[in-house]
Amino acid sequence: MEQDEIERNLGVQPLDGIMTEHELGNHDLVAASAEPMTHKAVQRARKGRRLTKHMKQRMADALNRAVKLQGREIEQVWGVKDLFTY
């Protein structure tokens, strides 16, 4: 393996904790997403696999929409920087 290979596994992301706190599953984000998203993509995002900028934004949008659909008051609108450490 090359020394300068990009690290792809970055550990559990803040997204995972927020979803757990709000009792959201992967399907909740997929169902709430306005754009195409798969369950596998959500799982990869939670576990810290590297995603594109566009997919990270989709995750943030879907999370905010999913919390609203639960009928909960959103204390903040989460952005990409709140959900991912990379």
PDB file of N, CA and C in Angstrom:
ATOM      1  N   MET A   1       0.828  -1.188   0.000  1.00  0.00           N
ATOM      2  CA  MET A   1       0.000   0.000   0.000  1.00  0.00           C
ATOM      3  C   MET A   1       0.875   1.255   0.000  1.00  0.00           C
ATOM      4  N   GLU A   2       0.441   2.266  -0.730  1.00  0.00           N
ATOM      5  CA  GLU A   2       1.196   3.509  -0.784  1.00  0.00           C
ATOM      6  C   GLU A   2       1.025   4.296   0.509  1.00  0.00           C
ATOM      7  N   GLN A   3       2.057   5.025   0.895  1.00  0.00           N
ATOM      8  CA  GLN A   3       2.024   5.826   2.116  1.00  0.00           C
ATOM      9  C   GLN A   3       1.047   6.996   2.021  1.00  0.00           C
ATOM     10  N   ASP A   4       0.936   7.607   0.832  1.00  0.00           N
ATOM     11  CA  ASP A   4       0.109   8.794   0.701  1.00  0.00           C
ATOM     12  C   ASP A   4      -1.307   8.493   0.191  1.00  0.00           C
ATOM     13  N   GLU A   5      -1.765   7.268   0.388  1.00  0.00           N
ATOM     14  CA  GLU A   5      -3.124   6.905   0.007  1.00  0.00           C
ATOM     15  C   GLU A   5      -4.120   7.627   0.918  1.00  0.00           C
ATOM     16  N   ILE A   6      -5.233   8.060   0.368  1.00  0.00           N
ATOM     17  CA  ILE A   6      -6.246   8.788   1.137  1.00  0.00           C
ATOM     18  C   ILE A   6      -6.907   7.846   2.134  1.00  0.00           C
ATOM     19  N   GLU A   7      -7.003   8.301   3.378  1.00  0.00           N
ATOM     20  CA  GLU A   7      -7.689   7.523   4.407  1.00  0.00           C
ATOM     21  C   GLU A   7      -9.187   7.632   4.156  1.00  0.00           C
ATOM     22  N   ARG A   8      -9.843   6.490   4.004  1.00  0.00           N
ATOM     23  CA  ARG A   8     -11.265   6.493   3.688  1.00  0.00           C
ATOM     24  C   ARG A   8     -12.149   6.212   4.898  1.00  0.00           C
ATOM     25  N   ASN A   9     -11.632   5.499   5.871  1.00  0.00           N
ATOM     26  CA  ASN A   9     -12.415   5.212   7.073  1.00  0.00           C
ATOM     27  C   ASN A   9     -12.030   6.211   8.148  1.00  0.00           C
ATOM     28  N   LEU A  10     -12.957   7.081   8.494  1.00  0.00           N
ATOM     29  CA  LEU A  10     -12.651   8.190   9.388  1.00  0.00           C
ATOM     30  C   LEU A  10     -13.351   8.084  10.739  1.00  0.00           C
ATOM     31  N   GLY A  11     -13.901   6.928  11.047  1.00  0.00           N
ATOM     32  CA  GLY A  11     -14.538   6.720  12.341  1.00  0.00           C
ATOM     33  C   GLY A  11     -15.956   7.253  12.387  1.00  0.00           C
ATOM     34  N   VAL A  12     -16.677   6.868  13.419  1.00  0.00           N
ATOM     35  CA  VAL A  12     -18.073   7.266  13.581  1.00  0.00           C
ATOM     36  C   VAL A  12     -18.161   8.789  13.606  1.00  0.00           C
ATOM     37  N   GLN A  13     -19.111   9.312  12.860  1.00  0.00           N
ATOM     38  CA  GLN A  13     -19.264  10.746  12.677  1.00  0.00           C
ATOM     39  C   GLN A  13     -20.337  11.327  13.616  1.00  0.00           C
ATOM     40  N   PRO A  14     -20.299  12.637  13.847  1.00  0.00           N
ATOM     41  CA  PRO A  14     -21.329  13.288  14.671  1.00  0.00           C
ATOM     42  C   PRO A  14     -22.751  13.024  14.159  1.00  0.00           C
ATOM     43  N   LEU A  15     -22.901  12.824  12.857  1.00  0.00           N
ATOM     44  CA  LEU A  15     -24.200  12.486  12.273  1.00  0.00           C
ATOM     45  C   LEU A  15     -24.829  11.300  12.998  1.00  0.00           C
ATOM     46  N   ASP A  16     -24.031  10.296  13.293  1.00  0.00           N
ATOM     47  CA  ASP A  16     -24.526   9.085  13.959  1.00  0.00           C
ATOM     48  C   ASP A  16     -25.115   9.411  15.330  1.00  0.00           C
ATOM     49  N   GLY A  17     -24.424  10.228  16.106  1.00  0.00           N
ATOM     50  CA  GLY A  17     -24.902  10.602  17.432  1.00  0.00           C
ATOM     51  C   GLY A  17     -26.192  11.406  17.376  1.00  0.00           C
ATOM     52  N   ILE A  18     -26.282  12.317  16.421  1.00  0.00           N
ATOM     53  CA  ILE A  18     -27.487  13.136  16.279  1.00  0.00           C
ATOM     54  C   ILE A  18     -28.674  12.263  15.879  1.00  0.00           C
ATOM     55  N   MET A  19     -28.439  11.330  14.957  1.00  0.00           N
ATOM     56  CA  MET A  19     -29.518  10.432  14.547  1.00  0.00           C
ATOM     57  C   MET A  19     -29.969   9.564  15.714  1.00  0.00           C
ATOM     58  N   THR A  20     -29.030   9.067  16.504  1.00  0.00           N
ATOM     59  CA  THR A  20     -29.362   8.237  17.661  1.00  0.00           C
ATOM     60  C   THR A  20     -30.145   9.052  18.690  1.00  0.00           C
ATOM     61  N   GLU A  21     -29.691  10.267  18.944  1.00  0.00           N
ATOM     62  CA  GLU A  21     -30.352  11.153  19.909  1.00  0.00           C
ATOM     63  C   GLU A  21     -31.808  11.420  19.524  1.00  0.00           C
ATOM     64  N   HIS A  22     -32.072  11.570  18.230  1.00  0.00           N
ATOM     65  CA  HIS A  22     -33.423  11.860  17.748  1.00  0.00           C
ATOM     66  C   HIS A  22     -34.186  10.604  17.335  1.00  0.00           C
ATOM     67  N   GLU A  23     -33.621   9.449  17.654  1.00  0.00           N
ATOM     68  CA  GLU A  23     -34.246   8.152  17.372  1.00  0.00           C
ATOM     69  C   GLU A  23     -34.594   7.994  15.891  1.00  0.00           C
ATOM     70  N   LEU A  24     -33.650   8.364  15.047  1.00  0.00           N
ATOM     71  CA  LEU A  24     -33.821   8.235  13.600  1.00  0.00           C
ATOM     72  C   LEU A  24     -32.999   7.060  13.089  1.00  0.00           C
ATOM     73  N   GLY A  25     -33.589   6.298  12.193  1.00  0.00           N
ATOM     74  CA  GLY A  25     -32.867   5.216  11.531  1.00  0.00           C
ATOM     75  C   GLY A  25     -32.442   5.649  10.147  1.00  0.00           C
ATOM     76  N   ASN A  26     -31.684   4.801   9.492  1.00  0.00           N
ATOM     77  CA  ASN A  26     -31.225   5.118   8.133  1.00  0.00           C
ATOM     78  C   ASN A  26     -32.408   5.360   7.201  1.00  0.00           C
ATOM     79  N   HIS A  27     -33.470   4.569   7.377  1.00  0.00           N
ATOM     80  CA  HIS A  27     -34.633   4.704   6.498  1.00  0.00           C
ATOM     81  C   HIS A  27     -35.304   6.069   6.650  1.00  0.00           C
ATOM     82  N   ASP A  28     -35.267   6.634   7.843  1.00  0.00           N
ATOM     83  CA  ASP A  28     -35.881   7.946   8.060  1.00  0.00           C
ATOM     84  C   ASP A  28     -35.215   9.010   7.192  1.00  0.00           C
ATOM     85  N   LEU A  29     -33.899   8.947   7.061  1.00  0.00           N
ATOM     86  CA  LEU A  29     -33.203   9.918   6.211  1.00  0.00           C
ATOM     87  C   LEU A  29     -33.495   9.661   4.744  1.00  0.00           C
ATOM     88  N   VAL A  30     -33.510   8.389   4.353  1.00  0.00           N
ATOM     89  CA  VAL A  30     -33.797   8.048   2.952  1.00  0.00           C
ATOM     90  C   VAL A  30     -35.197   8.539   2.587  1.00  0.00           C
ATOM     91  N   ALA A  31     -36.164   8.298   3.472  1.00  0.00           N
ATOM     92  CA  ALA A  31     -37.549   8.704   3.201  1.00  0.00           C
ATOM     93  C   ALA A  31     -37.703  10.224   3.174  1.00  0.00           C
ATOM     94  N   ALA A  32     -36.940  10.929   3.987  1.00  0.00           N
ATOM     95  CA  ALA A  32     -37.073  12.382   4.079  1.00  0.00           C
ATOM     96  C   ALA A  32     -36.296  13.119   2.990  1.00  0.00           C
ATOM     97  N   SER A  33     -35.386  12.441   2.334  1.00  0.00           N
ATOM     98  CA  SER A  33     -34.530  13.101   1.349  1.00  0.00           C
ATOM     99  C   SER A  33     -35.310  13.518   0.112  1.00  0.00           C
ATOM    100  N   ALA A  34     -35.077  14.751  -0.331  1.00  0.00           N
ATOM    101  CA  ALA A  34     -35.712  15.257  -1.549  1.00  0.00           C
ATOM    102  C   ALA A  34     -34.971  14.760  -2.791  1.00  0.00           C
ATOM    103  N   GLU A  35     -33.727  14.327  -2.609  1.00  0.00           N
ATOM    104  CA  GLU A  35     -32.910  13.841  -3.715  1.00  0.00           C
ATOM    105  C   GLU A  35     -32.654  12.353  -3.508  1.00  0.00           C
ATOM    106  N   PRO A  36     -32.262  11.641  -4.560  1.00  0.00           N
ATOM    107  CA  PRO A  36     -32.001  10.203  -4.414  1.00  0.00           C
ATOM    108  C   PRO A  36     -30.915   9.925  -3.366  1.00  0.00           C
ATOM    109  N   MET A  37     -31.213   8.977  -2.485  1.00  0.00           N
ATOM    110  CA  MET A  37     -30.272   8.588  -1.433  1.00  0.00           C
ATOM    111  C   MET A  37     -30.557   7.128  -1.086  1.00  0.00           C
ATOM    112  N   THR A  38     -29.518   6.381  -0.816  1.00  0.00           N
ATOM    113  CA  THR A  38     -29.704   4.972  -0.475  1.00  0.00           C
ATOM    114  C   THR A  38     -29.423   4.732   1.003  1.00  0.00           C
ATOM    115  N   HIS A  39     -29.945   3.618   1.504  1.00  0.00           N
ATOM    116  CA  HIS A  39     -29.682   3.223   2.885  1.00  0.00           C
ATOM    117  C   HIS A  39     -28.186   2.990   3.084  1.00  0.00           C
ATOM    118  N   LYS A  40     -27.559   2.439   2.057  1.00  0.00           N
ATOM    119  CA  LYS A  40     -26.122   2.160   2.120  1.00  0.00           C
ATOM    120  C   LYS A  40     -25.322   3.456   2.258  1.00  0.00           C
ATOM    121  N   ALA A  41     -25.735   4.500   1.566  1.00  0.00           N
ATOM    122  CA  ALA A  41     -25.042   5.791   1.648  1.00  0.00           C
ATOM    123  C   ALA A  41     -25.148   6.367   3.060  1.00  0.00           C
ATOM    124  N   VAL A  42     -26.328   6.246   3.665  1.00  0.00           N
ATOM    125  CA  VAL A  42     -26.515   6.757   5.027  1.00  0.00           C
ATOM    126  C   VAL A  42     -25.627   5.975   5.988  1.00  0.00           C
ATOM    127  N   GLN A  43     -25.575   4.666   5.829  1.00  0.00           N
ATOM    128  CA  GLN A  43     -24.732   3.839   6.705  1.00  0.00           C
ATOM    129  C   GLN A  43     -23.264   4.230   6.553  1.00  0.00           C
ATOM    130  N   ARG A  44     -22.832   4.452   5.309  1.00  0.00           N
ATOM    131  CA  ARG A  44     -21.448   4.865   5.069  1.00  0.00           C
ATOM    132  C   ARG A  44     -21.161   6.211   5.728  1.00  0.00           C
ATOM    133  N   ALA A  45     -22.126   7.127   5.654  1.00  0.00           N
ATOM    134  CA  ALA A  45     -21.956   8.451   6.264  1.00  0.00           C
ATOM    135  C   ALA A  45     -21.813   8.336   7.774  1.00  0.00           C
ATOM    136  N   ARG A  46     -22.620   7.486   8.398  1.00  0.00           N
ATOM    137  CA  ARG A  46     -22.578   7.335   9.855  1.00  0.00           C
ATOM    138  C   ARG A  46     -21.268   6.718  10.318  1.00  0.00           C
ATOM    139  N   LYS A  47     -20.740   5.787   9.550  1.00  0.00           N
ATOM    140  CA  LYS A  47     -19.533   5.069   9.945  1.00  0.00           C
ATOM    141  C   LYS A  47     -18.250   5.807   9.582  1.00  0.00           C
ATOM    142  N   GLY A  48     -18.371   6.879   8.811  1.00  0.00           N
ATOM    143  CA  GLY A  48     -17.192   7.681   8.511  1.00  0.00           C
ATOM    144  C   GLY A  48     -16.483   7.340   7.222  1.00  0.00           C
ATOM    145  N   ARG A  49     -17.185   6.707   6.303  1.00  0.00           N
ATOM    146  CA  ARG A  49     -16.595   6.527   4.975  1.00  0.00           C
ATOM    147  C   ARG A  49     -16.669   7.868   4.257  1.00  0.00           C
ATOM    148  N   ARG A  50     -15.642   8.192   3.521  1.00  0.00           N
ATOM    149  CA  ARG A  50     -15.563   9.498   2.863  1.00  0.00           C
ATOM    150  C   ARG A  50     -16.668   9.646   1.810  1.00  0.00           C
ATOM    151  N   LEU A  51     -17.376  10.775   1.864  1.00  0.00           N
ATOM    152  CA  LEU A  51     -18.448  11.081   0.913  1.00  0.00           C
ATOM    153  C   LEU A  51     -18.084  12.333   0.123  1.00  0.00           C
ATOM    154  N   THR A  52     -18.765  12.508  -0.994  1.00  0.00           N
ATOM    155  CA  THR A  52     -18.568  13.733  -1.776  1.00  0.00           C
ATOM    156  C   THR A  52     -19.225  14.900  -1.050  1.00  0.00           C
ATOM    157  N   LYS A  53     -18.832  16.123  -1.418  1.00  0.00           N
ATOM    158  CA  LYS A  53     -19.442  17.319  -0.826  1.00  0.00           C
ATOM    159  C   LYS A  53     -20.944  17.332  -1.058  1.00  0.00           C
ATOM    160  N   HIS A  54     -21.336  16.957  -2.264  1.00  0.00           N
ATOM    161  CA  HIS A  54     -22.756  16.963  -2.608  1.00  0.00           C
ATOM    162  C   HIS A  54     -23.527  15.967  -1.729  1.00  0.00           C
ATOM    163  N   MET A  55     -22.986  14.772  -1.528  1.00  0.00           N
ATOM    164  CA  MET A  55     -23.683  13.766  -0.727  1.00  0.00           C
ATOM    165  C   MET A  55     -23.734  14.187   0.745  1.00  0.00           C
ATOM    166  N   LYS A  56     -22.692  14.832   1.234  1.00  0.00           N
ATOM    167  CA  LYS A  56     -22.730  15.323   2.621  1.00  0.00           C
ATOM    168  C   LYS A  56     -23.829  16.367   2.781  1.00  0.00           C
ATOM    169  N   GLN A  57     -24.005  17.233   1.779  1.00  0.00           N
ATOM    170  CA  GLN A  57     -25.071  18.235   1.840  1.00  0.00           C
ATOM    171  C   GLN A  57     -26.438  17.573   1.800  1.00  0.00           C
ATOM    172  N   ARG A  58     -26.582  16.527   0.982  1.00  0.00           N
ATOM    173  CA  ARG A  58     -27.843  15.780   0.945  1.00  0.00           C
ATOM    174  C   ARG A  58     -28.168  15.196   2.318  1.00  0.00           C
ATOM    175  N   MET A  59     -27.145  14.658   2.992  1.00  0.00           N
ATOM    176  CA  MET A  59     -27.341  14.082   4.330  1.00  0.00           C
ATOM    177  C   MET A  59     -27.840  15.156   5.302  1.00  0.00           C
ATOM    178  N   ALA A  60     -27.219  16.327   5.258  1.00  0.00           N
ATOM    179  CA  ALA A  60     -27.615  17.416   6.156  1.00  0.00           C
ATOM    180  C   ALA A  60     -29.058  17.841   5.884  1.00  0.00           C
ATOM    181  N   ASP A  61     -29.409  17.997   4.608  1.00  0.00           N
ATOM    182  CA  ASP A  61     -30.769  18.392   4.247  1.00  0.00           C
ATOM    183  C   ASP A  61     -31.780  17.337   4.689  1.00  0.00           C
ATOM    184  N   ALA A  62     -31.453  16.072   4.459  1.00  0.00           N
ATOM    185  CA  ALA A  62     -32.359  14.981   4.825  1.00  0.00           C
ATOM    186  C   ALA A  62     -32.519  14.886   6.339  1.00  0.00           C
ATOM    187  N   LEU A  63     -31.446  15.082   7.078  1.00  0.00           N
ATOM    188  CA  LEU A  63     -31.524  15.029   8.543  1.00  0.00           C
ATOM    189  C   LEU A  63     -32.442  16.133   9.067  1.00  0.00           C
ATOM    190  N   ASN A  64     -32.253  17.341   8.596  1.00  0.00           N
ATOM    191  CA  ASN A  64     -33.098  18.456   9.038  1.00  0.00           C
ATOM    192  C   ASN A  64     -34.570  18.205   8.697  1.00  0.00           C
ATOM    193  N   ARG A  65     -34.820  17.669   7.515  1.00  0.00           N
ATOM    194  CA  ARG A  65     -36.193  17.380   7.100  1.00  0.00           C
ATOM    195  C   ARG A  65     -36.784  16.238   7.932  1.00  0.00           C
ATOM    196  N   ALA A  66     -35.992  15.214   8.224  1.00  0.00           N
ATOM    197  CA  ALA A  66     -36.474  14.061   8.995  1.00  0.00           C
ATOM    198  C   ALA A  66     -36.862  14.472  10.414  1.00  0.00           C
ATOM    199  N   VAL A  67     -36.088  15.350  11.026  1.00  0.00           N
ATOM    200  CA  VAL A  67     -36.409  15.807  12.386  1.00  0.00           C
ATOM    201  C   VAL A  67     -37.706  16.620  12.363  1.00  0.00           C
ATOM    202  N   LYS A  68     -37.870  17.457  11.341  1.00  0.00           N
ATOM    203  CA  LYS A  68     -39.112  18.226  11.214  1.00  0.00           C
ATOM    204  C   LYS A  68     -40.310  17.302  11.031  1.00  0.00           C
ATOM    205  N   LEU A  69     -40.137  16.234  10.235  1.00  0.00           N
ATOM    206  CA  LEU A  69     -41.236  15.293   9.982  1.00  0.00           C
ATOM    207  C   LEU A  69     -41.659  14.558  11.249  1.00  0.00           C
ATOM    208  N   GLN A  70     -40.757  14.454  12.206  1.00  0.00           N
ATOM    209  CA  GLN A  70     -41.097  13.822  13.480  1.00  0.00           C
ATOM    210  C   GLN A  70     -41.980  14.730  14.323  1.00  0.00           C
ATOM    211  N   GLY A  71     -42.116  15.965  13.893  1.00  0.00           N
ATOM    212  CA  GLY A  71     -42.932  16.920  14.637  1.00  0.00           C
ATOM    213  C   GLY A  71     -42.176  17.560  15.785  1.00  0.00           C
ATOM    214  N   ARG A  72     -40.872  17.406  15.793  1.00  0.00           N
ATOM    215  CA  ARG A  72     -40.057  18.002  16.855  1.00  0.00           C
ATOM    216  C   ARG A  72     -39.611  19.393  16.461  1.00  0.00           C
ATOM    217  N   GLU A  73     -39.413  20.191  17.471  1.00  0.00           N
ATOM    218  CA  GLU A  73     -38.869  21.533  17.267  1.00  0.00           C
ATOM    219  C   GLU A  73     -37.364  21.385  17.047  1.00  0.00           C
ATOM    220  N   ILE A  74     -36.874  21.977  15.992  1.00  0.00           N
ATOM    221  CA  ILE A  74     -35.436  21.902  15.720  1.00  0.00           C
ATOM    222  C   ILE A  74     -34.758  23.037  16.473  1.00  0.00           C
ATOM    223  N   GLU A  75     -33.828  22.663  17.357  1.00  0.00           N
ATOM    224  CA  GLU A  75     -33.112  23.681  18.121  1.00  0.00           C
ATOM    225  C   GLU A  75     -32.063  24.372  17.255  1.00  0.00           C
ATOM    226  N   GLN A  76     -31.666  23.694  16.200  1.00  0.00           N
ATOM    227  CA  GLN A  76     -30.720  24.280  15.258  1.00  0.00           C
ATOM    228  C   GLN A  76     -30.872  23.583  13.922  1.00  0.00           C
ATOM    229  N   VAL A  77     -30.438  24.241  12.880  1.00  0.00           N
ATOM    230  CA  VAL A  77     -30.399  23.602  11.563  1.00  0.00           C
ATOM    231  C   VAL A  77     -28.966  23.117  11.384  1.00  0.00           C
ATOM    232  N   TRP A  78     -28.823  21.822  11.181  1.00  0.00           N
ATOM    233  CA  TRP A  78     -27.486  21.252  11.060  1.00  0.00           C
ATOM    234  C   TRP A  78     -26.940  21.452   9.652  1.00  0.00           C
ATOM    235  N   GLY A  79     -25.672  21.802   9.602  1.00  0.00           N
ATOM    236  CA  GLY A  79     -24.965  21.927   8.342  1.00  0.00           C
ATOM    237  C   GLY A  79     -23.935  20.815   8.224  1.00  0.00           C
ATOM    238  N   VAL A  80     -23.274  20.761   7.095  1.00  0.00           N
ATOM    239  CA  VAL A  80     -22.277  19.722   6.837  1.00  0.00           C
ATOM    240  C   VAL A  80     -21.195  19.727   7.921  1.00  0.00           C
ATOM    241  N   LYS A  81     -20.753  20.896   8.336  1.00  0.00           N
ATOM    242  CA  LYS A  81     -19.675  20.986   9.334  1.00  0.00           C
ATOM    243  C   LYS A  81     -20.090  20.443  10.691  1.00  0.00           C
ATOM    244  N   ASP A  82     -21.389  20.437  10.981  1.00  0.00           N
ATOM    245  CA  ASP A  82     -21.890  19.897  12.245  1.00  0.00           C
ATOM    246  C   ASP A  82     -21.952  18.377  12.229  1.00  0.00           C
ATOM    247  N   LEU A  83     -22.051  17.794  11.046  1.00  0.00           N
ATOM    248  CA  LEU A  83     -22.302  16.355  10.923  1.00  0.00           C
ATOM    249  C   LEU A  83     -21.070  15.527  10.614  1.00  0.00           C
ATOM    250  N   PHE A  84     -20.055  16.159  10.044  1.00  0.00           N
ATOM    251  CA  PHE A  84     -18.874  15.418   9.610  1.00  0.00           C
ATOM    252  C   PHE A  84     -17.596  16.073  10.119  1.00  0.00           C
ATOM    253  N   THR A  85     -16.615  15.258  10.466  1.00  0.00           N
ATOM    254  CA  THR A  85     -15.358  15.767  11.003  1.00  0.00           C
ATOM    255  C   THR A  85     -14.283  15.916   9.924  1.00  0.00           C
ATOM    256  N   TYR A  86     -14.627  15.683   8.683  1.00  0.00           N
ATOM    257  CA  TYR A  86     -13.638  15.801   7.604  1.00  0.00           C
ATOM    258  C   TYR A  86     -14.119  16.730   6.535  1.00  0.00           C
TER     259      TYR A  86
END
